[in-house]
């Protein structure tokens, strides 16, 4: 399933063993994972209709997990454009970091012409094989 690939991928990215929050965001669905001290702590998936639904579910997760938005960065995996309304709204509440494509691959020109935050789903499948 995509959730297990996503979990394996973020565990491989958590090399510094700190607390990290990851979001995988699609047009009407997102997955959230919390890694703490190199170990999986939390996973959930939400469907949403608009940016306000998204913010509600996300902020509720922070509240339940007792995470303070002003002390935490969220790592974003998405193929949506960085100027999507969801990210504009999300940046009002938390610091966002879009993951770049991994540096350990050679890329076709088609991939190189896209924003460097895109295609993480593809990379996660290759890295987690």
Protein backbone atom coordinates (compact mmCIF):
# COMPACT_ATOMS: atom_id res chain seq x y z
CA UNK A 1 0.00 0.00 0.00
CA UNK A 2 1.08 3.61 -0.44
CA UNK A 3 1.00 4.23 3.31
CA UNK A 4 3.62 1.53 4.01
CA UNK A 5 5.85 2.88 1.22
CA UNK A 6 5.42 6.38 2.64
CA UNK A 7 6.33 5.16 6.14
CA UNK A 8 9.42 3.28 4.91
CA UNK A 9 10.49 6.34 2.94
CA UNK A 10 10.21 8.80 5.84
CA UNK A 11 12.05 6.39 8.14
CA UNK A 12 14.89 6.33 5.59
CA UNK A 13 14.88 10.17 5.58
CA UNK A 14 15.00 10.46 9.39
CA UNK A 15 18.76 9.99 9.64
CA UNK A 16 19.33 12.55 12.38
CA UNK A 17 16.91 10.78 14.75
CA UNK A 18 15.02 13.92 15.72
CA UNK A 19 11.28 14.46 15.89
CA UNK A 20 9.95 15.02 12.40
CA UNK A 21 6.46 15.44 11.00
CA UNK A 22 5.79 14.43 7.40
CA UNK A 23 2.78 15.19 5.22
CA UNK A 24 2.03 13.53 1.92
CA UNK A 25 -0.58 15.76 0.31
CA UNK A 26 -2.82 15.05 -2.65
CA UNK A 27 -5.63 17.16 -4.06
CA UNK A 28 -8.29 15.78 -1.65
CA UNK A 29 -6.39 13.51 0.73
CA UNK A 30 -3.36 13.64 2.99
CA UNK A 31 -1.27 11.27 5.06
CA UNK A 32 0.54 12.36 8.20
CA UNK A 33 3.41 10.58 9.95
CA UNK A 34 5.29 11.50 13.11
CA UNK A 35 8.76 10.04 13.64
CA UNK A 36 10.41 10.56 17.02
CA UNK A 37 13.91 9.40 17.97
CA UNK A 38 14.07 7.40 14.73
CA UNK A 39 10.90 5.46 15.54
CA UNK A 40 7.42 5.54 14.09
CA UNK A 41 4.99 7.26 16.48
CA UNK A 42 1.84 8.13 14.55
CA UNK A 43 0.14 7.68 11.20
CA UNK A 44 -3.27 8.73 9.88
CA UNK A 45 -4.96 9.52 6.60
CA UNK A 46 -7.67 12.10 5.97
CA UNK A 47 -9.90 12.99 3.07
CA UNK A 48 -10.83 16.65 2.73
CA UNK A 49 -12.98 18.79 0.46
CA UNK A 50 -11.28 22.17 0.78
CA UNK A 51 -8.37 23.98 2.42
CA UNK A 52 -10.30 24.64 5.62
CA UNK A 53 -11.07 20.93 6.05
CA UNK A 54 -7.41 20.21 5.52
CA UNK A 55 -6.30 22.76 8.14
CA UNK A 56 -8.89 21.48 10.61
CA UNK A 57 -7.66 17.87 10.35
CA UNK A 58 -4.01 18.88 10.41
CA UNK A 59 -4.31 21.21 13.40
CA UNK A 60 -6.37 18.62 15.26
CA UNK A 61 -3.55 16.10 14.75
CA UNK A 62 -1.09 18.58 16.24
CA UNK A 63 -3.38 19.08 19.22
CA UNK A 64 -3.88 15.34 19.82
CA UNK A 65 -0.14 14.71 19.47
CA UNK A 66 0.59 17.67 21.77
CA UNK A 67 2.85 19.28 19.16
CA UNK A 68 3.32 23.03 19.05
CA UNK A 69 3.19 24.42 15.55
CA UNK A 70 5.65 27.23 16.31
CA UNK A 71 8.43 24.79 17.28
CA UNK A 72 8.03 22.25 14.50
CA UNK A 73 8.83 22.02 10.81
CA UNK A 74 6.66 19.87 8.60
CA UNK A 75 8.27 18.00 5.70
CA UNK A 76 5.99 18.11 2.65
CA UNK A 77 5.76 15.46 -0.05
CA UNK A 78 3.43 16.41 -2.87
CA UNK A 79 3.00 16.80 -6.60
CA UNK A 80 0.82 19.87 -6.10
CA UNK A 81 2.33 23.20 -7.02
CA UNK A 82 4.00 25.10 -4.18
CA UNK A 83 1.59 28.00 -4.65
CA UNK A 84 -1.48 25.80 -4.11
CA UNK A 85 -3.99 27.33 -1.69
CA UNK A 86 -3.44 24.52 0.81
CA UNK A 87 0.20 25.53 1.30
CA UNK A 88 -0.66 29.19 1.57
CA UNK A 89 -3.05 28.32 4.40
CA UNK A 90 -0.68 25.81 6.01
CA UNK A 91 2.17 28.36 6.15
CA UNK A 92 0.00 30.53 8.39
CA UNK A 93 0.23 27.83 11.07
CA UNK A 94 3.57 26.05 10.70
CA UNK A 95 6.93 26.20 8.96
CA UNK A 96 6.82 24.08 5.80
CA UNK A 97 9.71 22.41 4.00
CA UNK A 98 9.20 20.79 0.62
CA UNK A 99 11.41 17.76 0.18
CA UNK A 100 13.75 17.98 -2.81
CA UNK A 101 14.40 15.10 -5.14
CA UNK A 102 17.15 12.76 -3.92
CA UNK A 103 20.64 13.59 -5.15
CA UNK A 104 21.78 9.99 -5.58
CA UNK A 105 20.05 9.41 -8.96
CA UNK A 106 20.63 10.42 -12.55
CA UNK A 107 17.51 12.08 -13.97
CA UNK A 108 15.89 12.24 -17.36
CA UNK A 109 15.46 15.75 -18.76
CA UNK A 110 11.67 15.46 -18.31
CA UNK A 111 12.11 15.14 -14.55
CA UNK A 112 14.76 17.85 -14.39
CA UNK A 113 12.37 20.38 -15.95
CA UNK A 114 9.83 19.86 -13.15
CA UNK A 115 9.97 21.49 -9.74
CA UNK A 116 12.48 19.74 -7.49
CA UNK A 117 9.81 18.89 -4.89
CA UNK A 118 7.80 16.72 -7.31
CA UNK A 119 7.94 12.95 -7.97
CA UNK A 120 8.63 11.95 -4.36
CA UNK A 121 6.18 9.05 -4.73
CA UNK A 122 8.33 7.62 -7.49
CA UNK A 123 11.55 8.11 -5.54
CA UNK A 124 10.09 6.58 -2.39
CA UNK A 125 9.27 3.37 -4.25
CA UNK A 126 12.79 3.09 -5.65
CA UNK A 127 14.54 3.95 -2.38
CA UNK A 128 12.42 1.53 -0.34
CA UNK A 129 12.91 -1.51 -2.58
